Protein backbone atom coordinates (compact mmCIF):
# COMPACT_ATOMS: atom_id res chain seq x y z
CA MET A 1 18.11 18.96 -38.53
CA THR A 2 14.46 19.00 -36.74
CA MET A 3 13.24 15.99 -34.72
CA ARG A 4 10.43 14.23 -35.50
CA TYR A 5 8.41 11.83 -33.47
CA VAL A 6 6.92 9.03 -34.78
CA LYS A 7 2.57 9.70 -35.41
CA GLY A 8 1.00 8.20 -32.76
CA CYS A 9 3.87 7.74 -30.20
CA ILE A 10 4.45 9.69 -27.18
CA ASN A 11 7.80 11.50 -25.49
CA VAL A 12 7.30 10.49 -21.93
CA SER A 13 8.79 12.91 -19.24
CA PRO A 14 10.75 11.59 -16.59
CA LYS A 15 9.78 14.02 -13.94
CA GLN A 16 5.77 13.70 -14.70
CA ASP A 17 4.98 11.22 -16.54
CA TYR A 18 7.05 8.46 -15.15
CA PRO A 19 6.45 9.30 -11.29
CA LEU A 20 2.48 8.98 -12.16
CA LEU A 21 3.14 5.41 -14.20
CA ARG A 22 5.25 4.67 -11.25
CA ARG A 23 2.56 5.07 -8.73
CA LEU A 24 0.08 2.81 -10.63
CA LEU A 25 2.81 0.18 -10.88
CA HIS A 26 3.06 0.29 -7.31
CA CYS A 27 -0.52 0.71 -5.86
CA GLY A 28 -2.54 -1.31 -8.86
CA PHE A 29 -5.24 0.63 -8.83
CA ALA A 30 -5.99 4.86 -8.01
CA THR A 31 -8.84 7.01 -8.32
CA HIS A 32 -8.58 10.40 -10.66
CA GLY A 33 -8.39 12.29 -7.06
CA GLN A 34 -6.32 10.01 -5.32
CA LEU A 35 -3.92 9.89 -8.12
CA PHE A 36 -3.46 13.78 -8.48
CA GLU A 37 -3.05 13.66 -4.52
CA PHE A 38 -0.37 11.27 -4.53
CA MET A 39 1.47 13.73 -7.78
CA ARG A 40 1.19 16.57 -5.72
CA ALA A 41 2.43 15.44 -2.28
CA GLY A 42 5.77 13.93 -4.22
CA GLY A 43 6.11 17.53 -5.67
CA HIS A 44 5.48 15.95 -9.23
CA GLU A 45 2.27 18.04 -10.16
CA SER A 46 0.68 21.36 -9.12
CA SER A 47 -2.00 21.91 -11.70
CA ARG A 48 -4.72 19.98 -11.75
CA TRP A 49 -5.43 21.30 -15.47
CA SER A 50 -1.77 19.65 -16.18
CA PHE A 51 -2.28 16.92 -14.56
CA ASN A 52 -5.95 15.99 -16.08
CA TRP A 53 -4.24 16.74 -19.76
CA ARG A 54 -1.19 14.31 -18.67
CA VAL A 55 -3.42 11.71 -18.01
CA ARG A 56 -5.73 11.74 -20.84
CA ARG A 57 -2.62 11.94 -23.17
CA LEU A 58 -1.30 8.51 -21.10
CA VAL A 59 -4.67 6.36 -21.49
CA ALA A 60 -4.86 8.19 -25.60
CA HIS A 61 -1.21 6.46 -25.71
CA GLY A 62 -2.21 3.07 -24.18
CA LEU A 63 0.39 3.05 -21.09
CA VAL A 64 -2.60 3.77 -18.91
CA VAL A 65 -6.24 2.22 -19.02
CA ARG A 66 -9.18 3.84 -17.43
CA TYR A 67 -12.31 1.90 -16.11
CA ALA A 68 -15.55 2.92 -14.45
CA VAL A 69 -15.89 0.51 -11.44
CA PRO A 70 -19.54 0.39 -9.89
CA CYS A 71 -18.78 -0.38 -6.76
CA ILE A 72 -16.11 3.17 -6.00
CA GLY A 73 -19.15 5.09 -7.49
CA LYS A 74 -18.71 7.84 -10.32
CA ALA A 75 -15.20 8.28 -9.99
CA PHE A 76 -13.04 6.94 -12.66
CA VAL A 77 -10.20 4.25 -11.85
CA TYR A 78 -6.82 3.90 -13.33
CA ALA A 79 -4.34 1.41 -14.01
CA ILE A 80 -0.90 1.14 -15.38
CA THR A 81 -0.92 -1.29 -18.64
CA PRO A 82 1.63 -3.87 -19.72
CA ALA A 83 3.14 -1.07 -22.14
CA GLY A 84 3.17 1.38 -19.36
CA ALA A 85 5.25 -1.23 -17.31
CA PHE A 86 7.38 -1.97 -20.44
CA GLU A 87 7.95 1.74 -20.68
CA LEU A 88 9.12 1.89 -17.12
CA ALA A 89 11.18 -1.11 -17.44
CA GLY A 90 13.12 0.57 -20.25
CA ALA A 91 13.47 3.80 -18.07
CA GLY A 92 15.44 1.12 -15.70
CA GLU A 93 12.60 0.92 -13.40
CA ARG A 94 14.05 -1.96 -10.46
CA PHE A 95 10.61 -3.82 -10.34
CA VAL A 96 10.03 -7.43 -11.32
CA ILE A 97 6.38 -7.85 -11.97
CA ALA A 98 5.12 -10.90 -10.29
CA PRO A 99 1.62 -13.00 -10.52
CA ALA A 100 -1.07 -10.96 -8.91
CA ASN A 101 -2.51 -12.37 -5.77
CA THR A 102 -5.37 -14.78 -6.54
CA ASP A 103 -6.71 -14.90 -3.23
CA ARG A 104 -9.39 -11.98 -4.14
CA ASP A 105 -11.93 -13.29 -6.73
CA GLY A 106 -13.41 -10.46 -9.04
CA LYS A 107 -12.07 -7.22 -10.20
CA GLU A 108 -14.19 -4.95 -8.27
CA LEU A 109 -12.95 -6.70 -5.29
CA ARG A 110 -9.03 -5.74 -5.91
CA VAL A 111 -10.13 -2.22 -7.25
CA ALA A 112 -12.34 -1.53 -3.86
CA HIS A 113 -9.30 -2.87 -1.64
CA ALA A 114 -6.31 -1.34 -3.81
CA ILE A 115 -8.64 1.94 -3.61
CA GLU A 116 -9.23 1.94 0.49
CA LEU A 117 -5.07 0.95 0.85
CA ASN A 118 -4.69 4.09 -0.71
CA ASN A 119 -6.93 6.22 1.35
CA ILE A 120 -5.12 4.88 4.25
CA HIS A 121 -1.53 5.67 2.75
CA LEU A 122 -2.81 9.25 1.96
CA SER A 123 -3.95 9.53 5.59
CA LEU A 124 -0.91 9.42 6.68
CA LEU A 125 1.12 11.52 4.08
CA ARG A 126 -1.32 14.36 5.16
CA ALA A 127 -0.94 13.90 8.65
CA GLY A 128 2.79 13.90 8.00
CA LEU A 129 3.37 10.96 9.76
CA LEU A 130 4.53 8.50 6.72
CA ALA A 131 8.24 8.10 6.62
CA ARG A 132 8.18 4.79 3.88
CA TRP A 133 5.43 3.07 2.50
CA VAL A 134 6.19 -0.45 0.64
CA PRO A 135 3.29 -1.75 -1.58
CA GLU A 136 2.06 -5.10 -1.68
CA ALA A 137 3.23 -5.19 -5.49
CA GLN A 138 6.75 -4.51 -4.26
CA ILE A 139 6.83 -6.99 -1.69
CA ARG A 140 5.68 -9.59 -3.63
CA SER A 141 8.30 -8.78 -6.40
CA ARG A 142 10.92 -9.11 -4.62
CA ASN A 143 9.47 -12.42 -2.35
CA ALA A 144 9.70 -13.91 -6.37
CA VAL A 145 13.34 -13.02 -6.76
CA GLU A 146 15.27 -12.73 -3.62
CA SER A 147 16.40 -15.45 -1.21
CA PHE A 148 15.70 -13.62 2.40
CA THR A 149 12.33 -11.74 2.11
CA HIS A 150 9.38 -11.67 3.92
CA THR A 151 7.53 -14.94 4.53
CA LYS A 152 4.44 -13.05 3.13
CA ASP A 153 3.10 -10.61 0.93
CA TYR A 154 1.79 -7.87 3.16
CA ASP A 155 -0.76 -4.95 2.19
CA ALA A 156 2.24 -3.15 2.92
CA ILE A 157 4.80 -2.82 4.93
CA VAL A 158 5.10 0.75 6.72
CA THR A 159 7.38 3.01 8.44
CA VAL A 160 5.67 5.44 10.63
CA ARG A 161 7.35 8.64 12.55
CA LEU A 162 7.03 8.25 16.54
CA GLU A 163 7.61 11.31 18.50
CA ASN A 164 11.72 10.10 18.78
CA ARG A 165 12.10 7.39 16.51
CA ASP A 166 10.59 5.58 13.36
CA ALA A 167 8.23 2.18 13.84
CA THR A 168 8.14 -0.44 11.02
CA PHE A 169 5.06 -2.60 10.81
CA GLY A 170 3.43 -5.25 8.05
CA LEU A 171 -0.02 -3.78 7.46
CA GLU A 172 -3.25 -5.76 6.47
CA TYR A 173 -6.44 -4.20 5.52
CA GLU A 174 -9.73 -6.98 5.43
CA ARG A 175 -12.82 -5.86 3.96
CA THR A 176 -14.38 -9.34 3.90
CA ALA A 177 -12.82 -12.36 6.23
CA LYS A 178 -11.33 -15.20 4.79
CA SER A 179 -11.44 -19.23 5.81
CA GLU A 180 -9.98 -20.00 9.02
CA THR A 181 -7.98 -22.18 7.79
CA HIS A 182 -6.44 -19.65 5.34
CA TYR A 183 -5.64 -17.62 9.01
CA ALA A 184 -3.55 -20.66 10.18
CA THR A 185 -1.55 -20.12 7.67
CA ILE A 186 -0.83 -16.57 8.44
CA VAL A 187 -0.32 -16.67 11.91
CA GLY A 188 2.60 -19.46 10.83
CA LYS A 189 3.53 -16.87 8.48
CA PHE A 190 3.89 -14.57 11.13
CA GLU A 191 5.53 -16.24 13.62
CA SER A 192 8.14 -17.23 11.03
CA GLU A 193 8.98 -13.76 9.73
CA GLN A 194 12.52 -12.61 10.33
CA LYS A 195 12.11 -9.10 9.14
CA LEU A 196 8.84 -7.91 10.91
CA ASP A 197 8.01 -7.97 14.70
CA ARG A 198 4.50 -5.87 14.50
CA PHE A 199 1.46 -6.13 12.44
CA LEU A 200 -1.53 -4.60 11.75
CA TYR A 201 -5.24 -5.71 10.83
CA LEU A 202 -7.63 -3.08 9.81
CA THR A 203 -10.97 -4.51 9.32
CA SER A 204 -14.05 -3.02 7.43
CA SER A 205 -16.52 -3.93 10.54
CA GLU A 206 -16.70 -5.21 14.05
CA ASP A 207 -17.95 -8.40 12.80
CA VAL A 208 -14.94 -8.54 10.75
CA LEU A 209 -12.81 -7.53 13.26
CA ARG A 210 -13.85 -9.93 15.85
CA PHE A 211 -13.66 -12.84 13.75
CA VAL A 212 -10.16 -12.29 12.61
CA SER A 213 -8.62 -11.75 15.64
CA TRP A 214 -10.14 -14.66 16.95
CA GLN A 215 -7.88 -16.54 14.78
CA PHE A 216 -4.80 -15.10 16.20
CA ARG A 217 -5.72 -15.44 19.71
CA ASN A 218 -2.99 -18.13 20.05
CA CYS A 219 -0.20 -16.30 17.88
CA LYS A 220 3.05 -15.36 19.47
CA ARG A 221 3.75 -12.16 17.70
CA GLN A 222 2.26 -8.79 18.58
CA VAL A 223 -0.55 -8.70 15.67
CA CYS A 224 -2.78 -5.47 16.67
CA PHE A 225 -6.42 -5.02 15.55
CA GLY A 226 -8.39 -2.07 14.72
CA LEU A 227 -11.53 -0.63 13.35
CA LEU A 228 -10.92 1.37 9.91
CA THR A 229 -13.17 4.05 10.74
CA ASP A 230 -11.24 4.15 14.43
CA TRP A 231 -7.94 4.80 11.78
CA TYR A 232 -9.39 7.67 9.97
CA ALA A 233 -10.33 9.27 13.24
CA ARG A 234 -7.52 9.34 15.29
CA LEU A 235 -4.46 7.06 12.99
CA LEU A 236 -1.57 5.89 15.36
CA ASP A 237 -4.00 7.42 18.70
CA MET A 238 -6.57 4.46 17.35
CA VAL A 239 -6.93 1.75 20.10
CA VAL A 240 -6.41 -1.49 19.34
CA PHE A 241 -6.50 -4.84 20.70
CA ASP A 242 -3.42 -7.46 20.58
CA TRP A 243 -3.72 -11.27 21.82
CA LEU A 244 -0.33 -11.09 22.93
CA ARG A 245 -0.49 -8.84 25.70
CA HIS A 246 -4.12 -9.32 25.99
CA GLU A 247 -5.22 -5.71 26.09
CA TYR A 248 -6.35 -2.75 24.17
CA ARG A 249 -3.89 0.18 24.05
CA PRO A 250 -3.36 3.40 21.58
CA LEU A 251 -1.48 1.96 18.45
CA ARG A 252 1.38 4.42 19.30
CA THR A 253 2.21 2.99 22.08
CA ALA A 254 1.76 -0.62 20.62
CA LEU A 255 4.38 0.69 18.11
CA ALA A 256 6.78 2.01 20.42
CA GLY A 257 7.53 -1.01 22.32
CA GLY A 258 10.69 -3.11 21.48
CA THR A 259 13.24 -2.09 18.82
CA LEU A 260 13.73 -3.89 15.69
CA ALA A 261 16.99 -5.18 14.11
CA GLY A 262 18.42 -2.81 11.84
CA GLU A 263 16.27 0.18 13.39
CA VAL A 264 17.57 3.39 14.47
CA PRO A 265 15.77 6.04 16.67
CA VAL A 266 15.15 9.46 15.10
CA THR A 267 17.32 11.47 17.02
CA ALA A 268 20.15 9.17 16.16
CA CYS A 269 20.01 10.15 12.72
CA ARG A 270 19.84 14.05 13.24
């Protein structure tokens, strides 16, 4: 018997289409180039031609939507549609889509924030330093349905490889400064956090860095602050400041201090 597909339907590939949809579900927005780099790093795509065809096909069938966003430039930006998320759910995706964060107004700001987080994520992948990246969408989802979770929907929870162990921290990226009241709430959340004891704020400018870091001057947890440009230049060797120790030091050194409950040195796992 010959199998026929209903006109207008799509046969979704578990090995290539699902990873692409899942990446968009996790990061919210991604440029065409970022999406290809994520798929290539994950071993899901090697041919740019094949990838371009796949994206066009998913857009044509309404599983992915394409945007032109002026603040990003000429690159197209992609996002998963409700139909795409439904397709993943039907395939057993263990992910609950919670309401979007309403702290940032306007799609362009949300897109720009997501694109920069993708760049941070990819910079760790290229350097071979990334052990695990848990995106905000997944943190938010877990916080919505589980009883003992994180106190904040961090931009990401990142685990990096140091010389002889892994280190995990909550990551926040600030394009623009929020109100003092906003940061007072964040300080309280950091101090109440039970699963993390290290945090990193990367900021878009020195003015934002000074304002945001000052709001944490009395915080009783280790919160490091640094410029995004320094991150791209030196990654874990960038110099950061934290008020708890009241000193500047390399991020690698700051992350290496202390052991979290449940963390195991890398050498013990070999």
